[in-house]
Amino acid sequence: DHADFAELIEICEKCNPREIYTVYGPKIQLAAELRKRGFKAIPLGKQTLLESFF
């Protein structure tokens, strides 16, 4: 089973992470909604390298 859009937002609100990287599904829309709620949310591209974060 997978979390839906609303459940993903709920999880983020409960955990209050410093950064959120969205990967699958409506990743751009999810990141945009999370940013509206004050989170630092970034949708990742198809070929994102780990070194991009350091």
C-alpha atoms as a PDB file:
ATOM      1  CA  ASP A   1       0.000   0.000   0.000  1.00  0.00           C
ATOM      2  CA  HIS A   2       1.151   3.556  -0.708  1.00  0.00           C
ATOM      3  CA  ALA A   3       0.405   6.910   0.881  1.00  0.00           C
ATOM      4  CA  ASP A   4      -1.740   9.243  -1.194  1.00  0.00           C
ATOM      5  CA  PHE A   5      -1.093  12.967  -1.702  1.00  0.00           C
ATOM      6  CA  ALA A   6      -2.877  14.047   1.491  1.00  0.00           C
ATOM      7  CA  GLU A   7      -1.201  11.327   3.553  1.00  0.00           C
ATOM      8  CA  LEU A   8       2.253  12.371   2.328  1.00  0.00           C
ATOM      9  CA  ILE A   9       1.554  15.940   3.430  1.00  0.00           C
ATOM     10  CA  GLU A  10       0.281  14.684   6.789  1.00  0.00           C
ATOM     11  CA  ILE A  11       3.450  12.636   7.315  1.00  0.00           C
ATOM     12  CA  CYS A  12       5.616  15.674   6.558  1.00  0.00           C
ATOM     13  CA  GLU A  13       3.631  17.829   8.974  1.00  0.00           C
ATOM     14  CA  LYS A  14       4.022  15.242  11.749  1.00  0.00           C
ATOM     15  CA  CYS A  15       7.757  14.669  11.157  1.00  0.00           C
ATOM     16  CA  ASN A  16       8.686  18.298  10.402  1.00  0.00           C
ATOM     17  CA  PRO A  17      11.781  17.451   8.307  1.00  0.00           C
ATOM     18  CA  ARG A  18      14.430  20.058   7.400  1.00  0.00           C
ATOM     19  CA  GLU A  19      14.294  19.149   3.696  1.00  0.00           C
ATOM     20  CA  ILE A  20      11.986  17.044   1.534  1.00  0.00           C
ATOM     21  CA  TYR A  21      12.897  15.568  -1.845  1.00  0.00           C
ATOM     22  CA  THR A  22       9.965  14.382  -3.944  1.00  0.00           C
ATOM     23  CA  VAL A  23      10.670  11.637  -6.457  1.00  0.00           C
ATOM     24  CA  TYR A  24       7.670   9.835  -7.993  1.00  0.00           C
ATOM     25  CA  GLY A  25       4.117  10.573  -9.020  1.00  0.00           C
ATOM     26  CA  PRO A  26       3.022  14.210  -8.860  1.00  0.00           C
ATOM     27  CA  LYS A  27       6.427  15.232  -7.489  1.00  0.00           C
ATOM     28  CA  ILE A  28       6.286  18.821  -8.761  1.00  0.00           C
ATOM     29  CA  GLN A  29       2.786  19.436  -7.395  1.00  0.00           C
ATOM     30  CA  LEU A  30       3.625  17.783  -4.065  1.00  0.00           C
ATOM     31  CA  ALA A  31       6.791  19.868  -3.638  1.00  0.00           C
ATOM     32  CA  ALA A  32       4.837  23.034  -4.504  1.00  0.00           C
ATOM     33  CA  GLU A  33       2.145  22.244  -1.929  1.00  0.00           C
ATOM     34  CA  LEU A  34       4.742  21.473   0.728  1.00  0.00           C
ATOM     35  CA  ARG A  35       6.510  24.777   0.001  1.00  0.00           C
ATOM     36  CA  LYS A  36       3.181  26.599   0.450  1.00  0.00           C
ATOM     37  CA  ARG A  37       3.086  25.015   3.904  1.00  0.00           C
ATOM     38  CA  GLY A  38       6.549  26.299   4.765  1.00  0.00           C
ATOM     39  CA  PHE A  39       8.710  23.271   3.988  1.00  0.00           C
ATOM     40  CA  LYS A  40      11.896  23.243   1.941  1.00  0.00           C
ATOM     41  CA  ALA A  41      10.691  20.791  -0.714  1.00  0.00           C
ATOM     42  CA  ILE A  42      12.540  19.985  -3.929  1.00  0.00           C
ATOM     43  CA  PRO A  43      11.323  17.738  -6.767  1.00  0.00           C
ATOM     44  CA  LEU A  44      14.188  15.615  -8.076  1.00  0.00           C
ATOM     45  CA  GLY A  45      14.895  15.052 -11.761  1.00  0.00           C
ATOM     46  CA  LYS A  46      15.384  11.694 -13.445  1.00  0.00           C
ATOM     47  CA  GLN A  47      19.170  11.692 -13.101  1.00  0.00           C
ATOM     48  CA  THR A  48      19.950  13.378  -9.798  1.00  0.00           C
ATOM     49  CA  LEU A  49      23.405  12.591  -8.436  1.00  0.00           C
ATOM     50  CA  LEU A  50      24.150  12.291  -4.734  1.00  0.00           C
ATOM     51  CA  GLU A  51      27.043  14.739  -5.134  1.00  0.00           C
ATOM     52  CA  SER A  52      24.480  17.431  -6.013  1.00  0.00           C
ATOM     53  CA  PHE A  53      23.637  17.639  -2.310  1.00  0.00           C
ATOM     54  CA  PHE A  54      27.145  18.243  -0.973  1.00  0.00           C
END
